[in-house]
PDB file of all heavy atoms in Angstrom:
ATOM      1  N   LYS A   1       0.878  -1.293   0.023  1.00  0.00           N
ATOM      2  CA  LYS A   1       0.081  -0.013   0.045  1.00  0.00           C
ATOM      3  C   LYS A   1       0.884   1.212  -0.068  1.00  0.00           C
ATOM      4  O   LYS A   1       0.669   2.229  -0.715  1.00  0.00           O
ATOM      5  CB  LYS A   1      -0.952  -0.006   1.222  1.00  0.00           C
ATOM      6  CG  LYS A   1      -1.881   1.146   1.327  1.00  0.00           C
ATOM      7  CD  LYS A   1      -2.751   0.981   2.507  1.00  0.00           C
ATOM      8  CE  LYS A   1      -3.703   2.222   2.595  1.00  0.00           C
ATOM      9  NZ  LYS A   1      -4.728   2.126   3.785  1.00  0.00           N
ATOM     10  N   VAL A   2       1.909   1.173   0.787  1.00  0.00           N
ATOM     11  CA  VAL A   2       2.876   2.363   0.811  1.00  0.00           C
ATOM     12  C   VAL A   2       3.524   2.651  -0.583  1.00  0.00           C
ATOM     13  O   VAL A   2       3.495   3.708  -1.086  1.00  0.00           O
ATOM     14  CB  VAL A   2       3.980   2.127   1.820  1.00  0.00           C
ATOM     15  CG1 VAL A   2       5.120   3.135   1.699  1.00  0.00           C
ATOM     16  CG2 VAL A   2       3.474   2.156   3.295  1.00  0.00           C
ATOM     17  N   ALA A   3       3.979   1.539  -1.244  1.00  0.00           N
ATOM     18  CA  ALA A   3       4.535   1.679  -2.500  1.00  0.00           C
ATOM     19  C   ALA A   3       3.569   2.154  -3.508  1.00  0.00           C
ATOM     20  O   ALA A   3       3.855   3.050  -4.318  1.00  0.00           O
ATOM     21  CB  ALA A   3       5.100   0.312  -2.991  1.00  0.00           C
ATOM     22  N   LEU A   4       2.300   1.618  -3.530  1.00  0.00           N
ATOM     23  CA  LEU A   4       1.284   2.009  -4.520  1.00  0.00           C
ATOM     24  C   LEU A   4       0.855   3.394  -4.254  1.00  0.00           C
ATOM     25  O   LEU A   4       0.751   4.217  -5.331  1.00  0.00           O
ATOM     26  CB  LEU A   4       0.076   1.056  -4.387  1.00  0.00           C
ATOM     27  CG  LEU A   4      -1.116   1.368  -5.315  1.00  0.00           C
ATOM     28  CD1 LEU A   4      -0.657   1.382  -6.807  1.00  0.00           C
ATOM     29  CD2 LEU A   4      -2.269   0.368  -5.036  1.00  0.00           C
ATOM     30  N   HIS A   5       0.611   3.834  -3.019  1.00  0.00           N
ATOM     31  CA  HIS A   5       0.244   5.229  -2.872  1.00  0.00           C
ATOM     32  C   HIS A   5       1.273   6.249  -3.185  1.00  0.00           C
ATOM     33  O   HIS A   5       0.962   7.333  -3.693  1.00  0.00           O
ATOM     34  CB  HIS A   5      -0.235   5.453  -1.354  1.00  0.00           C
ATOM     35  CG  HIS A   5      -1.586   4.853  -1.060  1.00  0.00           C
ATOM     36  ND1 HIS A   5      -2.447   5.404  -0.195  1.00  0.00           N
ATOM     37  CD2 HIS A   5      -2.238   3.766  -1.523  1.00  0.00           C
ATOM     38  CE1 HIS A   5      -3.592   4.631  -0.191  1.00  0.00           C
ATOM     39  NE2 HIS A   5      -3.441   3.618  -0.909  1.00  0.00           N
ATOM     40  N   THR A   6       2.536   5.849  -2.972  1.00  0.00           N
ATOM     41  CA  THR A   6       3.643   6.746  -3.287  1.00  0.00           C
ATOM     42  C   THR A   6       3.665   6.891  -4.873  1.00  0.00           C
ATOM     43  O   THR A   6       3.948   7.981  -5.368  1.00  0.00           O
ATOM     44  CB  THR A   6       4.962   6.188  -2.816  1.00  0.00           C
ATOM     45  OG1 THR A   6       4.839   6.032  -1.349  1.00  0.00           O
ATOM     46  CG2 THR A   6       6.061   7.065  -3.107  1.00  0.00           C
ATOM     47  N   ALA A   7       3.543   5.764  -5.525  1.00  0.00           N
ATOM     48  CA  ALA A   7       3.544   5.846  -6.996  1.00  0.00           C
ATOM     49  C   ALA A   7       2.422   6.642  -7.530  1.00  0.00           C
ATOM     50  O   ALA A   7       2.475   7.414  -8.531  1.00  0.00           O
ATOM     51  CB  ALA A   7       3.332   4.364  -7.613  1.00  0.00           C
ATOM     52  N   LYS A   8       1.210   6.535  -6.956  1.00  0.00           N
ATOM     53  CA  LYS A   8      -0.017   7.370  -7.287  1.00  0.00           C
ATOM     54  C   LYS A   8       0.320   8.821  -7.059  1.00  0.00           C
ATOM     55  O   LYS A   8      -0.105   9.690  -7.962  1.00  0.00           O
ATOM     56  CB  LYS A   8      -1.185   6.910  -6.511  1.00  0.00           C
ATOM     57  CG  LYS A   8      -1.723   5.574  -6.970  1.00  0.00           C
ATOM     58  CD  LYS A   8      -3.007   5.226  -6.221  1.00  0.00           C
ATOM     59  CE  LYS A   8      -3.613   3.909  -6.718  1.00  0.00           C
ATOM     60  NZ  LYS A   8      -4.900   3.579  -5.998  1.00  0.00           N
ATOM     61  N   ALA A   9       0.944   9.119  -5.983  1.00  0.00           N
ATOM     62  CA  ALA A   9       1.286  10.594  -5.686  1.00  0.00           C
ATOM     63  C   ALA A   9       2.224  11.130  -6.725  1.00  0.00           C
ATOM     64  O   ALA A   9       2.179  12.268  -7.259  1.00  0.00           O
ATOM     65  CB  ALA A   9       1.794  10.728  -4.337  1.00  0.00           C
ATOM     66  N   LEU A  10       3.236  10.415  -7.073  1.00  0.00           N
ATOM     67  CA  LEU A  10       4.250  10.737  -8.067  1.00  0.00           C
ATOM     68  C   LEU A  10       3.613  10.918  -9.423  1.00  0.00           C
ATOM     69  O   LEU A  10       4.021  11.849 -10.138  1.00  0.00           O
ATOM     70  CB  LEU A  10       5.437   9.789  -8.069  1.00  0.00           C
ATOM     71  CG  LEU A  10       6.301   9.693  -6.842  1.00  0.00           C
ATOM     72  CD1 LEU A  10       7.286   8.525  -6.932  1.00  0.00           C
ATOM     73  CD2 LEU A  10       7.093  11.035  -6.642  1.00  0.00           C
ATOM     74  N   GLU A  11       2.779   9.965  -9.793  1.00  0.00           N
ATOM     75  CA  GLU A  11       2.122  10.123 -11.035  1.00  0.00           C
ATOM     76  C   GLU A  11       1.184  11.261 -11.242  1.00  0.00           C
ATOM     77  O   GLU A  11       1.044  11.943 -12.215  1.00  0.00           O
ATOM     78  CB  GLU A  11       1.383   8.764 -11.391  1.00  0.00           C
ATOM     79  CG  GLU A  11       0.634   8.717 -12.727  1.00  0.00           C
ATOM     80  CD  GLU A  11       1.595   8.816 -13.851  1.00  0.00           C
ATOM     81  OE1 GLU A  11       2.787   8.527 -13.815  1.00  0.00           O
ATOM     82  OE2 GLU A  11       1.167   9.215 -15.027  1.00  0.00           O
ATOM     83  N   TYR A  12       0.514  11.606 -10.073  1.00  0.00           N
ATOM     84  CA  TYR A  12      -0.323  12.745 -10.017  1.00  0.00           C
ATOM     85  C   TYR A  12       0.439  13.984 -10.313  1.00  0.00           C
ATOM     86  O   TYR A  12       0.159  14.919 -11.060  1.00  0.00           O
ATOM     87  CB  TYR A  12      -1.036  12.911  -8.676  1.00  0.00           C
ATOM     88  CG  TYR A  12      -1.616  14.313  -8.460  1.00  0.00           C
ATOM     89  CD1 TYR A  12      -2.891  14.579  -8.918  1.00  0.00           C
ATOM     90  CD2 TYR A  12      -1.010  15.141  -7.650  1.00  0.00           C
ATOM     91  CE1 TYR A  12      -3.405  15.855  -8.744  1.00  0.00           C
ATOM     92  CE2 TYR A  12      -1.554  16.425  -7.413  1.00  0.00           C
ATOM     93  CZ  TYR A  12      -2.845  16.748  -7.979  1.00  0.00           C
ATOM     94  OH  TYR A  12      -3.310  17.998  -7.776  1.00  0.00           O
ATOM     95  N   CYS A  13       1.693  14.079  -9.654  1.00  0.00           N
ATOM     96  CA  CYS A  13       2.601  15.236  -9.864  1.00  0.00           C
ATOM     97  C   CYS A  13       3.004  15.354 -11.330  1.00  0.00           C
ATOM     98  O   CYS A  13       3.044  16.499 -11.846  1.00  0.00           O
ATOM     99  CB  CYS A  13       3.771  15.137  -8.887  1.00  0.00           C
ATOM    100  SG  CYS A  13       3.370  15.303  -7.162  1.00  0.00           S
ATOM    101  N   ASN A  14       3.346  14.151 -11.899  1.00  0.00           N
ATOM    102  CA  ASN A  14       3.740  14.154 -13.347  1.00  0.00           C
ATOM    103  C   ASN A  14       2.627  14.709 -14.196  1.00  0.00           C
ATOM    104  O   ASN A  14       2.922  15.492 -15.071  1.00  0.00           O
ATOM    105  CB  ASN A  14       4.128  12.684 -13.733  1.00  0.00           C
ATOM    106  CG  ASN A  14       5.404  12.260 -13.218  1.00  0.00           C
ATOM    107  OD1 ASN A  14       6.263  12.915 -12.700  1.00  0.00           O
ATOM    108  ND2 ASN A  14       5.531  10.879 -13.178  1.00  0.00           N
ATOM    109  N   ASP A  15       1.403  14.343 -13.907  1.00  0.00           N
ATOM    110  CA  ASP A  15       0.294  14.783 -14.689  1.00  0.00           C
ATOM    111  C   ASP A  15       0.094  16.274 -14.568  1.00  0.00           C
ATOM    112  O   ASP A  15      -0.381  16.968 -15.448  1.00  0.00           O
ATOM    113  CB  ASP A  15      -1.017  14.105 -14.270  1.00  0.00           C
ATOM    114  CG  ASP A  15      -1.019  12.683 -14.662  1.00  0.00           C
ATOM    115  OD1 ASP A  15      -0.283  12.216 -15.533  1.00  0.00           O
ATOM    116  OD2 ASP A  15      -1.881  11.910 -14.068  1.00  0.00           O
ATOM    117  N   LYS A  16       0.589  16.846 -13.456  1.00  0.00           N
ATOM    118  CA  LYS A  16       0.407  18.296 -13.246  1.00  0.00           C
ATOM    119  C   LYS A  16       1.683  19.125 -13.650  1.00  0.00           C
ATOM    120  O   LYS A  16       1.798  20.311 -13.398  1.00  0.00           O
ATOM    121  CB  LYS A  16       0.127  18.558 -11.725  1.00  0.00           C
ATOM    122  CG  LYS A  16      -1.202  17.979 -11.231  1.00  0.00           C
ATOM    123  CD  LYS A  16      -2.374  18.586 -11.977  1.00  0.00           C
ATOM    124  CE  LYS A  16      -3.712  18.032 -11.452  1.00  0.00           C
ATOM    125  NZ  LYS A  16      -4.833  18.641 -12.144  1.00  0.00           N
ATOM    126  N   GLY A  17       2.568  18.429 -14.303  1.00  0.00           N
ATOM    127  CA  GLY A  17       3.720  19.011 -14.799  1.00  0.00           C
ATOM    128  C   GLY A  17       4.960  19.206 -13.897  1.00  0.00           C
ATOM    129  O   GLY A  17       5.911  19.822 -14.232  1.00  0.00           O
ATOM    130  N   ILE A  18       4.908  18.509 -12.711  1.00  0.00           N
ATOM    131  CA  ILE A  18       6.106  18.450 -11.836  1.00  0.00           C
ATOM    132  C   ILE A  18       6.633  17.035 -11.798  1.00  0.00           C
ATOM    133  O   ILE A  18       6.046  16.157 -11.126  1.00  0.00           O
ATOM    134  CB  ILE A  18       5.650  18.996 -10.376  1.00  0.00           C
ATOM    135  CG1 ILE A  18       5.156  20.411 -10.450  1.00  0.00           C
ATOM    136  CG2 ILE A  18       6.892  18.894  -9.429  1.00  0.00           C
ATOM    137  CD1 ILE A  18       4.788  20.980  -9.089  1.00  0.00           C
ATOM    138  N   ASN A  19       7.722  16.864 -12.476  1.00  0.00           N
ATOM    139  CA  ASN A  19       8.099  15.444 -12.715  1.00  0.00           C
ATOM    140  C   ASN A  19       9.429  15.191 -11.932  1.00  0.00           C
ATOM    141  O   ASN A  19      10.111  14.116 -12.193  1.00  0.00           O
ATOM    142  CB  ASN A  19       8.373  15.147 -14.195  1.00  0.00           C
ATOM    143  CG  ASN A  19       9.265  16.196 -14.892  1.00  0.00           C
ATOM    144  OD1 ASN A  19       9.930  16.950 -14.166  1.00  0.00           O
ATOM    145  ND2 ASN A  19       9.270  16.209 -16.220  1.00  0.00           N
ATOM    146  N   LEU A  20       9.868  16.010 -11.027  1.00  0.00           N
ATOM    147  CA  LEU A  20      11.027  15.754 -10.179  1.00  0.00           C
ATOM    148  C   LEU A  20      10.597  15.669  -8.676  1.00  0.00           C
ATOM    149  O   LEU A  20       9.825  16.521  -8.223  1.00  0.00           O
ATOM    150  CB  LEU A  20      12.077  16.782 -10.360  1.00  0.00           C
ATOM    151  CG  LEU A  20      12.912  16.912 -11.634  1.00  0.00           C
ATOM    152  CD1 LEU A  20      13.891  17.926 -11.561  1.00  0.00           C
ATOM    153  CD2 LEU A  20      13.469  15.514 -11.963  1.00  0.00           C
ATOM    154  N   TYR A  21      11.096  14.727  -8.020  1.00  0.00           N
ATOM    155  CA  TYR A  21      10.939  14.643  -6.600  1.00  0.00           C
ATOM    156  C   TYR A  21      12.327  14.383  -6.020  1.00  0.00           C
ATOM    157  O   TYR A  21      13.083  13.558  -6.389  1.00  0.00           O
ATOM    158  CB  TYR A  21      10.097  13.486  -6.184  1.00  0.00           C
ATOM    159  CG  TYR A  21       9.611  13.517  -4.721  1.00  0.00           C
ATOM    160  CD1 TYR A  21       8.434  14.164  -4.358  1.00  0.00           C
ATOM    161  CD2 TYR A  21      10.461  13.006  -3.756  1.00  0.00           C
ATOM    162  CE1 TYR A  21       8.132  14.238  -2.982  1.00  0.00           C
ATOM    163  CE2 TYR A  21      10.084  13.171  -2.389  1.00  0.00           C
ATOM    164  CZ  TYR A  21       8.880  13.726  -1.981  1.00  0.00           C
ATOM    165  OH  TYR A  21       8.539  13.813  -0.652  1.00  0.00           O
ATOM    166  N   HIS A  22      12.706  15.277  -5.083  1.00  0.00           N
ATOM    167  CA  HIS A  22      14.028  15.359  -4.630  1.00  0.00           C
ATOM    168  C   HIS A  22      14.295  14.520  -3.396  1.00  0.00           C
ATOM    169  O   HIS A  22      13.574  14.638  -2.357  1.00  0.00           O
ATOM    170  CB  HIS A  22      14.487  16.780  -4.380  1.00  0.00           C
ATOM    171  CG  HIS A  22      14.136  17.747  -5.426  1.00  0.00           C
ATOM    172  ND1 HIS A  22      14.948  17.799  -6.575  1.00  0.00           N
ATOM    173  CD2 HIS A  22      13.104  18.543  -5.668  1.00  0.00           C
ATOM    174  CE1 HIS A  22      14.419  18.712  -7.415  1.00  0.00           C
ATOM    175  NE2 HIS A  22      13.284  19.119  -6.835  1.00  0.00           N
ATOM    176  N   ASP A  23      15.185  13.496  -3.561  1.00  0.00           N
ATOM    177  CA  ASP A  23      15.657  12.753  -2.289  1.00  0.00           C
ATOM    178  C   ASP A  23      14.513  11.940  -1.823  1.00  0.00           C
ATOM    179  O   ASP A  23      14.182  11.979  -0.607  1.00  0.00           O
ATOM    180  CB  ASP A  23      16.182  13.700  -1.292  1.00  0.00           C
ATOM    181  CG  ASP A  23      17.304  13.043  -0.544  1.00  0.00           C
ATOM    182  OD1 ASP A  23      17.607  11.905  -0.772  1.00  0.00           O
ATOM    183  OD2 ASP A  23      17.729  13.592   0.529  1.00  0.00           O
ATOM    184  N   LEU A  24      13.879  11.034  -2.625  1.00  0.00           N
ATOM    185  CA  LEU A  24      12.800  10.272  -2.141  1.00  0.00           C
ATOM    186  C   LEU A  24      13.406   9.079  -1.233  1.00  0.00           C
ATOM    187  O   LEU A  24      14.344   8.420  -1.681  1.00  0.00           O
ATOM    188  CB  LEU A  24      12.074   9.465  -3.318  1.00  0.00           C
ATOM    189  CG  LEU A  24      11.029   8.484  -3.051  1.00  0.00           C
ATOM    190  CD1 LEU A  24       9.834   9.237  -2.353  1.00  0.00           C
ATOM    191  CD2 LEU A  24      10.523   7.884  -4.383  1.00  0.00           C
ATOM    192  N   ASN A  25      12.955   9.023  -0.034  1.00  0.00           N
ATOM    193  CA  ASN A  25      13.479   8.017   0.902  1.00  0.00           C
ATOM    194  C   ASN A  25      12.404   7.800   2.009  1.00  0.00           C
ATOM    195  O   ASN A  25      11.328   8.364   2.030  1.00  0.00           O
ATOM    196  CB  ASN A  25      14.727   8.510   1.551  1.00  0.00           C
ATOM    197  CG  ASN A  25      14.575   9.840   2.350  1.00  0.00           C
ATOM    198  OD1 ASN A  25      13.841   9.850   3.332  1.00  0.00           O
ATOM    199  ND2 ASN A  25      15.151  10.971   1.814  1.00  0.00           N
ATOM    200  N   PRO A  26      12.635   6.867   2.882  1.00  0.00           N
ATOM    201  CA  PRO A  26      11.587   6.502   3.832  1.00  0.00           C
ATOM    202  C   PRO A  26      11.158   7.622   4.824  1.00  0.00           C
ATOM    203  O   PRO A  26      10.038   7.505   5.441  1.00  0.00           O
ATOM    204  CB  PRO A  26      12.215   5.341   4.724  1.00  0.00           C
ATOM    205  CG  PRO A  26      13.191   4.734   3.708  1.00  0.00           C
ATOM    206  CD  PRO A  26      13.759   5.895   2.879  1.00  0.00           C
ATOM    207  N   TYR A  27      12.020   8.607   4.951  1.00  0.00           N
ATOM    208  CA  TYR A  27      11.624   9.785   5.747  1.00  0.00           C
ATOM    209  C   TYR A  27      10.520  10.702   5.052  1.00  0.00           C
ATOM    210  O   TYR A  27       9.921  11.462   5.743  1.00  0.00           O
ATOM    211  CB  TYR A  27      12.846  10.657   6.129  1.00  0.00           C
ATOM    212  CG  TYR A  27      13.753   9.998   7.075  1.00  0.00           C
ATOM    213  CD1 TYR A  27      14.873   9.278   6.675  1.00  0.00           C
ATOM    214  CD2 TYR A  27      13.569   9.993   8.407  1.00  0.00           C
ATOM    215  CE1 TYR A  27      15.753   8.692   7.597  1.00  0.00           C
ATOM    216  CE2 TYR A  27      14.399   9.500   9.441  1.00  0.00           C
ATOM    217  CZ  TYR A  27      15.488   8.820   8.916  1.00  0.00           C
ATOM    218  OH  TYR A  27      16.391   8.236   9.817  1.00  0.00           O
ATOM    219  N   ARG A  28      10.434  10.479   3.753  1.00  0.00           N
ATOM    220  CA  ARG A  28       9.479  11.344   2.964  1.00  0.00           C
ATOM    221  C   ARG A  28       8.141  10.788   3.016  1.00  0.00           C
ATOM    222  O   ARG A  28       7.256  11.416   2.423  1.00  0.00           O
ATOM    223  CB  ARG A  28       9.963  11.447   1.565  1.00  0.00           C
ATOM    224  CG  ARG A  28      11.358  12.110   1.354  1.00  0.00           C
ATOM    225  CD  ARG A  28      11.339  13.587   1.590  1.00  0.00           C
ATOM    226  NE  ARG A  28      12.510  14.277   1.011  1.00  0.00           N
ATOM    227  CZ  ARG A  28      12.711  15.549   1.162  1.00  0.00           C
ATOM    228  NH1 ARG A  28      11.888  16.295   1.859  1.00  0.00           N
ATOM    229  NH2 ARG A  28      13.832  16.110   0.643  1.00  0.00           N
ATOM    230  N   ILE A  29       7.849   9.541   3.453  1.00  0.00           N
ATOM    231  CA  ILE A  29       6.564   8.834   3.512  1.00  0.00           C
ATOM    232  C   ILE A  29       6.103   9.043   4.959  1.00  0.00           C
ATOM    233  O   ILE A  29       6.657   8.577   5.945  1.00  0.00           O
ATOM    234  CB  ILE A  29       6.647   7.422   3.123  1.00  0.00           C
ATOM    235  CG1 ILE A  29       7.438   7.185   1.875  1.00  0.00           C
ATOM    236  CG2 ILE A  29       5.250   6.887   3.013  1.00  0.00           C
ATOM    237  CD1 ILE A  29       6.984   7.904   0.677  1.00  0.00           C
ATOM    238  N   LEU A  30       4.911   9.720   5.060  1.00  0.00           N
ATOM    239  CA  LEU A  30       4.328   9.980   6.327  1.00  0.00           C
ATOM    240  C   LEU A  30       2.924   9.218   6.456  1.00  0.00           C
ATOM    241  O   LEU A  30       2.363   8.747   5.444  1.00  0.00           O
ATOM    242  CB  LEU A  30       4.060  11.522   6.405  1.00  0.00           C
ATOM    243  CG  LEU A  30       5.288  12.368   6.046  1.00  0.00           C
ATOM    244  CD1 LEU A  30       4.788  13.813   6.074  1.00  0.00           C
ATOM    245  CD2 LEU A  30       6.417  12.258   7.036  1.00  0.00           C
ATOM    246  N   PHE A  31       2.404   9.135   7.685  1.00  0.00           N
ATOM    247  CA  PHE A  31       1.205   8.439   7.887  1.00  0.00           C
ATOM    248  C   PHE A  31       0.131   9.301   8.672  1.00  0.00           C
ATOM    249  O   PHE A  31       0.480   9.980   9.620  1.00  0.00           O
ATOM    250  CB  PHE A  31       1.414   7.179   8.766  1.00  0.00           C
ATOM    251  CG  PHE A  31       2.165   6.028   7.981  1.00  0.00           C
ATOM    252  CD1 PHE A  31       3.574   6.090   8.000  1.00  0.00           C
ATOM    253  CD2 PHE A  31       1.478   5.164   7.255  1.00  0.00           C
ATOM    254  CE1 PHE A  31       4.272   5.110   7.329  1.00  0.00           C
ATOM    255  CE2 PHE A  31       2.176   4.136   6.612  1.00  0.00           C
ATOM    256  CZ  PHE A  31       3.543   4.143   6.599  1.00  0.00           C
ATOM    257  N   ASP A  32      -1.001   9.386   8.099  1.00  0.00           N
ATOM    258  CA  ASP A  32      -2.006  10.268   8.615  1.00  0.00           C
ATOM    259  C   ASP A  32      -2.651   9.603   9.961  1.00  0.00           C
ATOM    260  O   ASP A  32      -2.258   8.595  10.397  1.00  0.00           O
ATOM    261  CB  ASP A  32      -3.161  10.676   7.616  1.00  0.00           C
ATOM    262  CG  ASP A  32      -3.921   9.468   7.219  1.00  0.00           C
ATOM    263  OD1 ASP A  32      -3.819   8.400   7.785  1.00  0.00           O
ATOM    264  OD2 ASP A  32      -4.685   9.606   6.171  1.00  0.00           O
ATOM    265  N   LYS A  33      -3.759  10.242  10.444  1.00  0.00           N
ATOM    266  CA  LYS A  33      -4.308   9.793  11.706  1.00  0.00           C
ATOM    267  C   LYS A  33      -4.862   8.380  11.584  1.00  0.00           C
ATOM    268  O   LYS A  33      -4.777   7.614  12.670  1.00  0.00           O
ATOM    269  CB  LYS A  33      -5.492  10.741  12.059  1.00  0.00           C
ATOM    270  CG  LYS A  33      -6.109  10.387  13.421  1.00  0.00           C
ATOM    271  CD  LYS A  33      -7.122  11.602  13.823  1.00  0.00           C
ATOM    272  CE  LYS A  33      -7.671  11.259  15.216  1.00  0.00           C
ATOM    273  NZ  LYS A  33      -8.656  12.369  15.552  1.00  0.00           N
TER     274      LYS A  33
END
């Protein structure tokens, strides 16, 4: 689920014209309530 949701977020950014994400690592993935 973490991998899939991260991929969906990155693809959304690509669709909006932002295709770079800087320093993707486990500290960049957060969990909501």
